Protein backbone atom coordinates (compact mmCIF):
# COMPACT_ATOMS: atom_id res chain seq x y z
CA UNK A 1 0.14 -0.17 -0.18
CA UNK A 2 2.90 2.16 1.12
CA UNK A 3 4.34 1.58 -2.43
CA UNK A 4 1.48 2.33 -4.53
CA UNK A 5 0.62 5.57 -2.72
CA UNK A 6 3.07 8.13 -4.80
CA UNK A 7 1.84 5.93 -7.68
CA UNK A 8 -1.86 6.94 -6.98
CA UNK A 9 -0.86 10.44 -6.41
CA UNK A 10 1.16 10.67 -9.94
CA UNK A 11 -1.71 9.40 -11.55
CA UNK A 12 -3.84 11.66 -9.46
CA UNK A 13 -2.14 14.72 -10.92
CA UNK A 14 -2.17 13.36 -14.41
CA UNK A 15 -6.29 13.35 -14.64
CA UNK A 16 -7.68 15.32 -17.36
CA UNK A 17 -9.47 17.44 -15.74
CA UNK A 18 -7.01 18.33 -13.06
CA UNK A 19 -4.67 21.84 -13.90
CA UNK A 20 -1.52 23.25 -12.12
CA UNK A 21 -3.63 27.00 -11.76
CA UNK A 22 -7.26 27.66 -12.07
CA UNK A 23 -7.98 31.09 -12.75
CA UNK A 24 -11.56 31.26 -10.83
CA UNK A 25 -14.71 33.71 -11.75
CA UNK A 26 -12.73 36.51 -14.02
CA UNK A 27 -14.19 38.47 -16.54
CA UNK A 28 -12.82 36.72 -19.57
CA UNK A 29 -12.02 38.70 -22.32
CA UNK A 30 -10.63 35.56 -25.25
CA UNK A 31 -8.95 37.97 -27.85
CA UNK A 32 -11.68 37.22 -30.62
CA UNK A 33 -13.22 40.59 -30.18
CA UNK A 34 -16.79 39.11 -28.09
CA UNK A 35 -17.59 41.07 -25.14
CA UNK A 36 -16.38 39.44 -21.69
CA UNK A 37 -18.26 36.76 -19.92
CA UNK A 38 -17.51 35.28 -16.56
CA UNK A 39 -15.78 32.26 -17.01
CA UNK A 40 -12.25 30.22 -15.25
CA UNK A 41 -9.51 29.74 -17.22
CA UNK A 42 -7.26 26.42 -16.23
CA UNK A 43 -3.52 25.96 -16.99
CA UNK A 44 -1.53 22.79 -17.24
CA UNK A 45 2.58 23.02 -18.29
CA UNK A 46 2.93 25.54 -20.64
CA UNK A 47 -1.03 24.99 -21.92
CA UNK A 48 -4.37 26.23 -21.85
CA UNK A 49 -6.46 22.94 -20.56
CA UNK A 50 -9.97 24.70 -19.74
CA UNK A 51 -11.92 27.49 -20.53
CA UNK A 52 -15.51 27.09 -19.06
CA UNK A 53 -17.74 26.68 -15.70
CA UNK A 54 -14.77 24.60 -13.58
CA UNK A 55 -16.83 23.87 -10.66
CA UNK A 56 -19.89 22.69 -13.91
CA UNK A 57 -16.59 20.25 -15.20
CA UNK A 58 -15.20 19.36 -11.58
CA UNK A 59 -12.11 20.69 -12.26
CA UNK A 60 -9.17 20.05 -9.38
CA UNK A 61 -6.62 22.45 -9.02
CA UNK A 62 -3.14 22.81 -7.67
CA UNK A 63 -3.15 26.53 -7.06
CA UNK A 64 -6.97 28.52 -7.35
CA UNK A 65 -6.52 32.49 -8.10
CA UNK A 66 -9.82 33.90 -7.50
CA UNK A 67 -9.97 36.39 -10.08
CA UNK A 68 -13.83 37.94 -9.23
CA UNK A 69 -14.07 41.13 -10.32
CA UNK A 70 -10.85 41.34 -12.42
CA UNK A 71 -10.30 40.73 -16.15
CA UNK A 72 -8.61 37.82 -17.64
CA UNK A 73 -7.23 37.87 -21.18
CA UNK A 74 -4.49 36.77 -23.27
CA UNK A 75 -0.99 38.07 -22.66
CA UNK A 76 -0.43 41.27 -25.17
CA UNK A 77 1.78 41.19 -27.74
CA UNK A 78 4.01 44.12 -28.90
CA UNK A 79 4.63 44.63 -32.34
CA UNK A 80 6.72 47.52 -32.26
CA UNK A 81 9.10 47.74 -29.28
CA UNK A 82 12.90 48.81 -28.65
CA UNK A 83 12.53 47.06 -25.29
CA UNK A 84 14.63 43.87 -26.02
CA UNK A 85 16.97 45.75 -28.93
CA UNK A 86 19.94 43.95 -28.50
CA UNK A 87 18.69 41.52 -26.03
CA UNK A 88 21.99 39.27 -26.87
CA UNK A 89 24.01 41.84 -25.17
CA UNK A 90 21.66 42.27 -21.99
CA UNK A 91 22.44 41.54 -18.52
CA UNK A 92 19.72 39.09 -16.64
CA UNK A 93 17.85 42.11 -15.37
CA UNK A 94 17.37 43.87 -18.89
CA UNK A 95 16.49 40.42 -19.90
CA UNK A 96 13.75 40.31 -17.55
CA UNK A 97 11.89 42.95 -18.98
CA UNK A 98 10.12 43.69 -16.21
CA UNK A 99 8.47 46.96 -17.08
CA UNK A 100 6.51 45.02 -20.40
CA UNK A 101 5.52 42.06 -17.83
CA UNK A 102 3.84 44.68 -15.51
CA UNK A 103 2.02 46.08 -18.42
CA UNK A 104 0.59 42.92 -19.58
CA UNK A 105 2.80 42.27 -22.68
CA UNK A 106 4.49 38.62 -22.39
CA UNK A 107 5.57 38.48 -26.00
CA UNK A 108 7.81 41.42 -28.01
CA UNK A 109 9.74 41.74 -31.03
CA UNK A 110 13.19 42.31 -30.42
CA UNK A 111 14.41 45.12 -32.70
CA UNK A 112 12.03 47.09 -35.08
CA UNK A 113 12.81 49.89 -37.57
CA UNK A 114 14.63 47.56 -39.79
CA UNK A 115 17.31 47.43 -36.50
CA UNK A 116 16.43 43.32 -36.19
CA UNK A 117 18.97 40.65 -36.61
CA UNK A 118 20.03 38.71 -39.80
CA UNK A 119 21.19 35.39 -37.82
CA UNK A 120 18.09 34.91 -35.88
CA UNK A 121 18.86 31.59 -35.13
CA UNK A 122 21.67 32.70 -32.80
CA UNK A 123 19.98 35.42 -31.58
CA UNK A 124 16.51 33.31 -30.21
CA UNK A 125 18.70 29.86 -29.18
CA UNK A 126 21.38 31.75 -27.41
CA UNK A 127 19.24 34.76 -25.27
CA UNK A 128 16.59 31.84 -24.47
CA UNK A 129 19.13 29.77 -23.09
CA UNK A 130 20.30 32.60 -20.97
CA UNK A 131 16.93 33.35 -20.06
CA UNK A 132 13.96 35.60 -20.86
CA UNK A 133 11.18 37.22 -19.36
CA UNK A 134 8.90 37.56 -22.37
CA UNK A 135 8.56 35.39 -25.59
CA UNK A 136 10.42 37.31 -28.23
CA UNK A 137 9.78 37.16 -31.77
CA UNK A 138 12.23 38.40 -34.92
CA UNK A 139 11.88 40.80 -37.98
CA UNK A 140 15.12 40.95 -40.52
CA UNK A 141 16.43 44.17 -40.28
CA UNK A 142 16.63 45.60 -43.80
CA UNK A 143 18.93 48.62 -42.04
CA UNK A 144 20.76 45.80 -40.47
CA UNK A 145 21.67 44.05 -43.89
CA UNK A 146 22.16 47.10 -45.84
CA UNK A 147 24.75 48.12 -43.32
CA UNK A 148 26.35 44.70 -42.91
CA UNK A 149 26.88 45.26 -46.87
CA UNK A 150 27.15 48.46 -47.52
CA UNK A 151 28.10 50.42 -44.04
CA UNK A 152 26.53 53.90 -43.76
CA UNK A 153 26.76 54.37 -47.57
CA UNK A 154 24.62 56.89 -49.39
CA UNK A 155 25.25 55.35 -52.60
CA UNK A 156 22.72 53.03 -54.77
CA UNK A 157 23.22 49.35 -54.22
CA UNK A 158 24.65 47.54 -57.13
CA UNK A 159 23.31 44.26 -58.14
CA UNK A 160 26.13 42.37 -56.13
CA UNK A 161 24.75 44.41 -53.03
CA UNK A 162 21.56 43.46 -53.46
CA UNK A 163 22.03 40.06 -54.12
CA UNK A 164 24.49 40.01 -51.16
CA UNK A 165 21.09 41.50 -48.83
CA UNK A 166 19.00 39.13 -50.74
CA UNK A 167 21.29 36.29 -48.78
CA UNK A 168 20.75 37.42 -45.43
CA UNK A 169 17.18 38.02 -45.89
CA UNK A 170 16.44 34.30 -47.16
CA UNK A 171 18.86 33.16 -44.16
CA UNK A 172 17.26 34.94 -41.61
CA UNK A 173 13.80 33.86 -43.02
CA UNK A 174 14.73 30.14 -43.26
CA UNK A 175 15.97 30.78 -39.50
CA UNK A 176 12.35 31.62 -38.19
CA UNK A 177 12.13 35.71 -39.07
CA UNK A 178 8.41 36.64 -38.64
CA UNK A 179 8.90 38.82 -42.15
CA UNK A 180 11.18 42.41 -43.02
CA UNK A 181 11.26 45.66 -41.08
CA UNK A 182 12.67 48.61 -42.29
CA UNK A 183 12.99 52.17 -40.69
CA UNK A 184 13.25 54.10 -44.15
CA UNK A 185 13.16 57.55 -41.99
CA UNK A 186 16.58 56.79 -40.47
CA UNK A 187 19.86 57.08 -42.23
CA UNK A 188 21.20 55.11 -44.16
CA UNK A 189 17.69 52.92 -44.88
CA UNK A 190 16.44 56.49 -46.24
CA UNK A 191 19.17 56.31 -48.82
CA UNK A 192 17.74 53.39 -50.32
CA UNK A 193 15.20 53.73 -53.44
CA UNK A 194 11.83 52.16 -53.63
CA UNK A 195 13.30 49.87 -56.37
CA UNK A 196 16.47 48.53 -53.99
CA UNK A 197 13.97 48.10 -51.07
CA UNK A 198 11.51 46.02 -53.24
CA UNK A 199 14.30 43.79 -54.75
CA UNK A 200 15.73 43.31 -50.95
CA UNK A 201 12.52 42.59 -49.27
CA UNK A 202 11.23 40.47 -51.86
CA UNK A 203 13.52 38.00 -51.15
CA UNK A 204 11.25 36.83 -48.09
CA UNK A 205 8.00 36.43 -50.34
CA UNK A 206 8.63 32.50 -50.61
CA UNK A 207 8.07 32.42 -46.71
CA UNK A 208 5.33 34.61 -46.28
CA UNK A 209 5.08 37.27 -43.47
CA UNK A 210 4.80 40.87 -42.73
CA UNK A 211 6.80 43.94 -44.07
CA UNK A 212 6.68 46.16 -40.99
CA UNK A 213 8.03 50.05 -41.60
CA UNK A 214 8.85 53.08 -39.76
CA UNK A 215 8.02 54.52 -43.07
CA UNK A 216 10.34 57.33 -45.01
CA UNK A 217 8.05 60.52 -43.93
CA UNK A 218 5.50 60.47 -41.53
CA UNK A 219 5.43 64.18 -41.91
CA UNK A 220 6.44 66.18 -44.57
CA UNK A 221 9.78 66.28 -44.48
CA UNK A 222 10.69 64.44 -47.68
CA UNK A 223 8.00 63.26 -49.78
CA UNK A 224 5.18 63.54 -47.70
CA UNK A 225 2.98 61.14 -45.22
CA UNK A 226 0.39 60.29 -48.27
CA UNK A 227 3.43 59.33 -50.80
CA UNK A 228 5.30 57.62 -48.05
CA UNK A 229 2.10 55.35 -47.13
CA UNK A 230 1.64 54.90 -51.02
CA UNK A 231 5.45 54.02 -51.21
CA UNK A 232 4.85 51.59 -48.02
CA UNK A 233 1.96 49.49 -49.40
CA UNK A 234 3.76 49.47 -53.05
CA UNK A 235 6.31 47.84 -51.18
CA UNK A 236 4.81 45.36 -49.39
CA UNK A 237 2.61 44.63 -52.35
CA UNK A 238 5.29 43.62 -55.02
CA UNK A 239 6.91 42.15 -52.28
CA UNK A 240 4.06 39.63 -51.55
CA UNK A 241 4.33 40.40 -47.80
CA UNK A 242 1.60 41.95 -45.43
CA UNK A 243 2.42 45.98 -45.17
CA UNK A 244 2.19 47.05 -41.57
CA UNK A 245 2.54 50.75 -41.00
CA UNK A 246 4.84 50.76 -37.89
CA UNK A 247 3.74 53.56 -34.96
CA UNK A 248 1.23 54.87 -37.65
CA UNK A 249 0.60 58.80 -36.69
CA UNK A 250 0.45 62.21 -38.25
CA UNK A 251 3.62 63.72 -37.23
CA UNK A 252 3.32 67.72 -37.01
CA UNK A 253 1.75 70.40 -37.91
CA UNK A 254 1.91 70.31 -41.62
CA UNK A 255 -0.29 66.70 -41.64
CA UNK A 256 -2.61 67.11 -38.65
CA UNK A 257 -5.88 65.83 -39.88
CA UNK A 258 -4.43 63.45 -42.44
CA UNK A 259 -5.38 60.21 -40.21
CA UNK A 260 -8.26 59.62 -42.17
CA UNK A 261 -6.77 59.94 -45.96
CA UNK A 262 -3.99 57.37 -44.51
CA UNK A 263 -7.01 55.16 -43.24
CA UNK A 264 -8.41 55.40 -46.86
CA UNK A 265 -5.25 54.55 -48.74
CA UNK A 266 -5.20 50.96 -46.80
CA UNK A 267 -8.53 50.46 -47.40
CA UNK A 268 -8.41 51.04 -50.98
CA UNK A 269 -5.10 48.57 -50.49
CA UNK A 270 -7.27 45.86 -49.12
CA UNK A 271 -10.19 46.25 -51.45
CA UNK A 272 -7.60 45.44 -54.17
CA UNK A 273 -6.62 42.44 -52.35
CA UNK A 274 -3.21 43.05 -50.28
CA UNK A 275 -3.55 43.30 -46.50
CA UNK A 276 -2.44 46.58 -45.04
CA UNK A 277 -2.57 47.33 -41.21
CA UNK A 278 -0.94 49.33 -39.08
CA UNK A 279 -0.33 49.66 -35.04
CA UNK A 280 -0.17 52.92 -33.05
CA UNK A 281 0.53 53.68 -29.56
CA UNK A 282 -1.50 55.86 -27.26
CA UNK A 283 0.53 58.95 -26.62
CA UNK A 284 0.79 62.16 -28.52
CA UNK A 285 4.51 62.77 -28.14
CA UNK A 286 6.80 60.63 -30.30
CA UNK A 287 10.16 59.33 -29.13
CA UNK A 288 13.06 59.73 -31.49
CA UNK A 289 16.60 61.27 -31.55
CA UNK A 290 17.87 64.84 -31.77
CA UNK A 291 19.50 63.89 -35.27
CA UNK A 292 16.91 61.96 -36.26
CA UNK A 293 14.51 64.62 -35.42
CA UNK A 294 15.75 67.68 -36.86
CA UNK A 295 19.01 67.17 -39.11
CA UNK A 296 18.59 66.79 -42.29
CA UNK A 297 19.46 62.94 -44.00
CA UNK A 298 21.98 64.38 -46.63
CA UNK A 299 24.19 65.68 -43.80
CA UNK A 300 24.30 62.01 -42.06
CA UNK A 301 25.83 60.58 -45.35
CA UNK A 302 29.26 58.31 -44.50
CA UNK A 303 28.65 58.49 -40.92
CA UNK A 304 29.68 60.44 -37.80
CA UNK A 305 33.23 61.80 -39.61
CA UNK A 306 31.42 62.87 -42.54
CA UNK A 307 28.62 64.77 -40.37
CA UNK A 308 31.35 66.62 -38.54
CA UNK A 309 33.56 67.87 -41.57
CA UNK A 310 30.05 69.36 -43.15
CA UNK A 311 29.53 71.08 -40.10
CA UNK A 312 32.72 72.35 -39.79
CA UNK A 313 32.46 74.09 -43.41
CA UNK A 314 30.44 77.19 -42.67
CA UNK A 315 28.58 77.19 -46.12
CA UNK A 316 27.44 73.59 -45.37
CA UNK A 317 26.87 74.14 -41.77
CA UNK A 318 24.28 76.87 -42.70
CA UNK A 319 22.75 74.77 -45.13
CA UNK A 320 22.22 72.44 -42.56
CA UNK A 321 21.06 75.11 -40.44
CA UNK A 322 18.43 76.13 -42.60
CA UNK A 323 16.92 72.12 -43.11
CA UNK A 324 17.09 72.58 -39.33
CA UNK A 325 14.94 75.46 -38.65
CA UNK A 326 12.12 73.86 -41.25
CA UNK A 327 12.19 70.44 -39.19
CA UNK A 328 12.00 72.14 -36.13
CA UNK A 329 8.93 74.17 -36.88
CA UNK A 330 7.39 70.85 -38.74
CA UNK A 331 7.60 69.42 -34.88
CA UNK A 332 6.22 72.71 -33.56
CA UNK A 333 8.62 74.28 -32.34
CA UNK A 334 11.40 74.26 -29.62
CA UNK A 335 8.94 74.20 -26.98
CA UNK A 336 7.74 71.00 -28.19
CA UNK A 337 10.89 68.58 -28.00
CA UNK A 338 11.89 67.19 -24.33
CA UNK A 339 15.60 66.36 -24.42
CA UNK A 340 14.51 62.89 -22.41
CA UNK A 341 17.75 60.64 -22.83
CA UNK A 342 21.40 59.86 -23.28
CA UNK A 343 24.95 59.43 -21.93
CA UNK A 344 26.74 60.59 -19.01
CA UNK A 345 27.28 64.03 -21.30
CA UNK A 346 23.94 64.46 -21.61
CA UNK A 347 22.59 64.38 -17.99
CA UNK A 348 22.76 68.54 -17.12
CA UNK A 349 19.68 68.20 -20.09
CA UNK A 350 17.77 65.63 -19.31
CA UNK A 351 14.44 67.01 -18.60
CA UNK A 352 14.54 69.95 -20.01
CA UNK A 353 12.98 71.28 -23.54
CA UNK A 354 15.48 72.55 -26.39
CA UNK A 355 13.84 75.99 -25.29
CA UNK A 356 15.44 76.06 -21.97
CA UNK A 357 18.78 74.74 -23.25
CA UNK A 358 18.57 77.31 -26.14
CA UNK A 359 18.03 79.97 -23.22
CA UNK A 360 20.98 78.71 -20.88
CA UNK A 361 23.46 78.80 -23.64
CA UNK A 362 22.32 82.10 -25.28
CA UNK A 363 22.04 80.23 -28.77
CA UNK A 364 18.91 80.29 -31.13
CA UNK A 365 17.40 76.57 -30.49
CA UNK A 366 18.60 74.82 -34.13
CA UNK A 367 21.95 76.10 -33.26
CA UNK A 368 21.87 74.45 -30.13
CA UNK A 369 21.04 71.52 -31.16
CA UNK A 370 23.60 71.47 -34.36
CA UNK A 371 26.09 72.35 -30.99
CA UNK A 372 25.01 69.69 -28.74
CA UNK A 373 25.40 67.24 -31.69
CA UNK A 374 28.67 68.40 -32.60
CA UNK A 375 29.76 67.83 -29.53
CA UNK A 376 28.46 63.88 -29.69
CA UNK A 377 25.24 64.62 -27.35
CA UNK A 378 22.99 63.23 -29.61
CA UNK A 379 20.26 62.49 -26.96
CA UNK A 380 16.89 61.42 -27.06
CA UNK A 381 13.75 63.32 -27.48
CA UNK A 382 9.98 63.22 -26.77
CA UNK A 383 8.35 65.07 -29.46
CA UNK A 384 5.04 66.86 -28.85
CA UNK A 385 3.89 66.57 -32.63
CA UNK A 386 0.73 64.86 -32.90
CA UNK A 387 -2.72 65.73 -32.11
CA UNK A 388 -5.54 64.20 -30.26
CA UNK A 389 -8.07 63.72 -32.85
CA UNK A 390 -5.72 62.02 -35.08
CA UNK A 391 -4.93 59.90 -32.16
CA UNK A 392 -8.61 58.49 -31.73
CA UNK A 393 -9.23 58.17 -35.27
CA UNK A 394 -6.40 55.93 -35.89
CA UNK A 395 -7.19 54.13 -32.58
CA UNK A 396 -10.85 53.38 -33.72
CA UNK A 397 -9.77 51.58 -37.14
CA UNK A 398 -10.36 47.60 -36.68
CA UNK A 399 -6.98 47.32 -38.56
CA UNK A 400 -5.04 49.07 -36.74
CA UNK A 401 -3.53 47.07 -33.66
CA UNK A 402 -1.72 48.60 -30.35
CA UNK A 403 2.02 48.51 -29.79
CA UNK A 404 4.13 50.69 -27.48
CA UNK A 405 7.32 51.76 -29.73
CA UNK A 406 8.65 51.40 -26.49
CA UNK A 407 12.23 53.30 -25.77
CA UNK A 408 14.18 54.60 -22.88
CA UNK A 409 13.13 57.67 -21.41
CA UNK A 410 9.85 58.08 -23.14
CA UNK A 411 7.16 56.57 -20.55
CA UNK A 412 5.58 54.17 -23.11
CA UNK A 413 8.28 51.74 -22.17
CA UNK A 414 6.28 51.22 -19.04
CA UNK A 415 2.99 52.56 -19.77
CA UNK A 416 1.27 52.02 -23.17
CA UNK A 417 -0.92 49.32 -22.88
CA UNK A 418 -2.63 50.37 -18.95
CA UNK A 419 -2.35 53.90 -20.61
CA UNK A 420 -4.61 53.01 -23.50
CA UNK A 421 -6.83 50.93 -21.15
CA UNK A 422 -7.11 53.50 -18.60
CA UNK A 423 -7.60 56.36 -20.75
CA UNK A 424 -9.05 55.24 -23.84
CA UNK A 425 -11.84 52.62 -22.71
CA UNK A 426 -12.35 53.18 -19.26
CA UNK A 427 -11.97 56.96 -18.71
CA UNK A 428 -13.44 58.24 -22.42
CA UNK A 429 -14.14 55.79 -23.77
CA UNK A 430 -12.62 55.95 -27.35
CA UNK A 431 -13.02 51.78 -27.73
CA UNK A 432 -14.32 48.67 -25.85
CA UNK A 433 -12.50 46.14 -23.38
CA UNK A 434 -13.02 44.02 -26.26
CA UNK A 435 -11.79 45.46 -29.20
CA UNK A 436 -8.53 46.79 -26.97
CA UNK A 437 -8.00 43.18 -25.77
CA UNK A 438 -8.32 41.85 -29.23
CA UNK A 439 -5.95 44.81 -30.98
CA UNK A 440 -3.15 43.54 -28.20
CA UNK A 441 -3.24 39.78 -28.57
CA UNK A 442 -4.95 37.82 -31.32
CA UNK A 443 -4.74 40.44 -34.21
CA UNK A 444 -1.11 40.66 -33.96
CA UNK A 445 -0.53 36.96 -33.26
CA UNK A 446 -2.91 36.71 -36.96
CA UNK A 447 -0.78 39.21 -39.01
CA UNK A 448 2.18 38.13 -37.67
CA UNK A 449 1.65 34.24 -38.10
CA UNK A 450 2.63 33.48 -34.28
CA UNK A 451 0.95 30.33 -33.81
CA UNK A 452 -0.89 28.96 -30.65
CA UNK A 453 -0.84 32.88 -28.83
CA UNK A 454 -2.86 35.44 -28.22
CA UNK A 455 -5.98 33.86 -27.57
CA UNK A 456 -7.61 31.73 -24.18
CA UNK A 457 -8.14 28.57 -26.58
CA UNK A 458 -7.54 25.30 -25.34
CA UNK A 459 -4.00 24.05 -26.03
CA UNK A 460 -2.73 27.34 -26.73
CA UNK A 461 0.59 28.40 -24.75
CA UNK A 462 -0.30 29.65 -21.31
CA UNK A 463 0.13 33.45 -21.86
CA UNK A 464 -2.24 34.92 -19.64
CA UNK A 465 -2.95 38.28 -17.71
CA UNK A 466 -5.34 39.31 -14.87
CA UNK A 467 -5.82 42.63 -14.07
CA UNK A 468 -7.91 45.11 -11.94
CA UNK A 469 -9.99 47.49 -13.87
CA UNK A 470 -10.35 49.55 -11.54
CA UNK A 471 -6.79 50.10 -10.48
CA UNK A 472 -4.33 49.49 -13.77
CA UNK A 473 -2.63 53.03 -15.34
CA UNK A 474 0.50 53.83 -16.29
CA UNK A 475 2.33 55.94 -13.67
CA UNK A 476 5.43 56.56 -16.04
CA UNK A 477 5.26 60.88 -17.05
CA UNK A 478 7.41 62.27 -19.63
CA UNK A 479 9.39 63.57 -16.13
CA UNK A 480 9.37 60.25 -14.57
CA UNK A 481 9.41 57.73 -17.55
CA UNK A 482 10.73 54.76 -15.66
CA UNK A 483 8.16 54.20 -12.39
CA UNK A 484 6.12 50.95 -13.19
CA UNK A 485 2.29 50.32 -14.11
CA UNK A 486 0.10 49.04 -11.62
CA UNK A 487 -3.13 47.11 -11.53
CA UNK A 488 -2.03 43.98 -13.38
CA UNK A 489 -2.50 41.14 -10.91
CA UNK A 490 -0.83 38.03 -12.05
CA UNK A 491 0.91 37.85 -15.50
CA UNK A 492 1.58 34.01 -16.86
CA UNK A 493 4.23 33.54 -19.46
CA UNK A 494 3.99 30.18 -20.91
CA UNK A 495 2.72 28.84 -17.67
CA UNK A 496 4.90 30.30 -15.26
CA UNK A 497 4.02 32.99 -12.66
CA UNK A 498 6.39 36.47 -13.69
CA UNK A 499 3.65 38.61 -12.08
CA UNK A 500 2.20 37.29 -8.72
CA UNK A 501 0.09 39.34 -6.93
CA UNK A 502 0.96 42.83 -8.62
CA UNK A 503 4.53 42.06 -7.99
CA UNK A 504 7.13 40.65 -10.63
CA UNK A 505 8.55 37.39 -9.73
CA UNK A 506 12.05 37.45 -11.75
CA UNK A 507 10.94 34.39 -13.02
CA UNK A 508 12.04 34.08 -17.19
CA UNK A 509 9.92 31.85 -18.96
CA UNK A 510 9.99 33.48 -22.55
CA UNK A 511 10.71 31.54 -25.55
CA UNK A 512 12.54 32.63 -28.52
CA UNK A 513 10.34 32.55 -30.78
CA UNK A 514 10.52 30.94 -34.68
CA UNK A 515 7.68 31.06 -37.86
CA UNK A 516 6.96 27.85 -38.75
């Protein structure tokens, strides 16, 4: 009898009607876009094995979480964030990705804007072995492969160089990339014309996936917002990939009110048979670098040494300043650029607007910015360049997903998802809770082809979140951008509790995902 007892216990633990964790009595939003319903969710190992009435089904549980009055949903999937950019170089604390977990984010991309890896297998294998707090998925970067082949050159790519870039894209796709990302706004990617981009990106066509882009112009810098959208749609169409307009916006006073026009182009593209979607963050300030915001792209050709030589030449310096003044105007002036992060030499300026720094340095704002760049103090900026009406118009479109574009110094790294729930679902509201959940879960999984995630369904991986609608909110601000969000009570990643009773556990159960 004593010999049989452990065997009987093991048998009981493996019963079909037993679970490791039962989340009981919460309002379940399953990711489908349907209204919430009171139900129980059971987890066994890495998977969801039950959704329904646990009492009626006589489910036995090792641990029961009372979710009465709370919301239960799939873990959020962030398709555009910098939280895991360069993850293979991160220390353990960074790899835990606690700012994301405390927002309910369980899966993130690991380098958007064309900066994704071409050696996908190595990155995903090594980082998973070291430990990841969230799942990661890779988009091979157009910028990465162009820099690998051409450095910072502004020259057109030769046929041999295009072939070399295509080889790297093909390698990344074979190793499990979910598509190709670009950042045509940024040098040196901005030097590539549309034919070059299509030629390189189309190497991913046999594998399918997404062409995700920080498009060439979200404002009136070069080709203009509308022509830039047309370019992005053409690249996706001719490369055979779904087009995703990353962090879609109408940036700057010249294009405020254009959200409807952008969405119209996307609708026309879908009607013609090519899938076109977008993702968006719920903030009116974007985040970028001082150089990216104000310098003309031609001034950056060849890299930093070439830029310094141009600044040192009086005639060229004046041409740079003329362009910078117009770029500053587009963004709303020097009172709209908040300096938010940078290295040790940037610390005296962090938390100040460009107007304040200009007053301290007793120089006009554009000259102040150029002097900071000349000194190598090229810090990040929060640029208050969007209006609320456009933000809400994009948000209400059924083909616009949620993302954070999370980056250091901007509160979106720590607070995007709770902010959207608090501000745009519960307080205003602009969208429903079911739409919010769908835009951050199953819709992202469907667009990118992320298998068995994004929905609360039997057999899916147990990326599950439980949050309190009464308390969920972002705590991060533009002045204090690194404050963890509150209201997320439980976060499970592959069945392991990464957040328990509102506190991070330090568990790293994330996986390096590969496209099947």
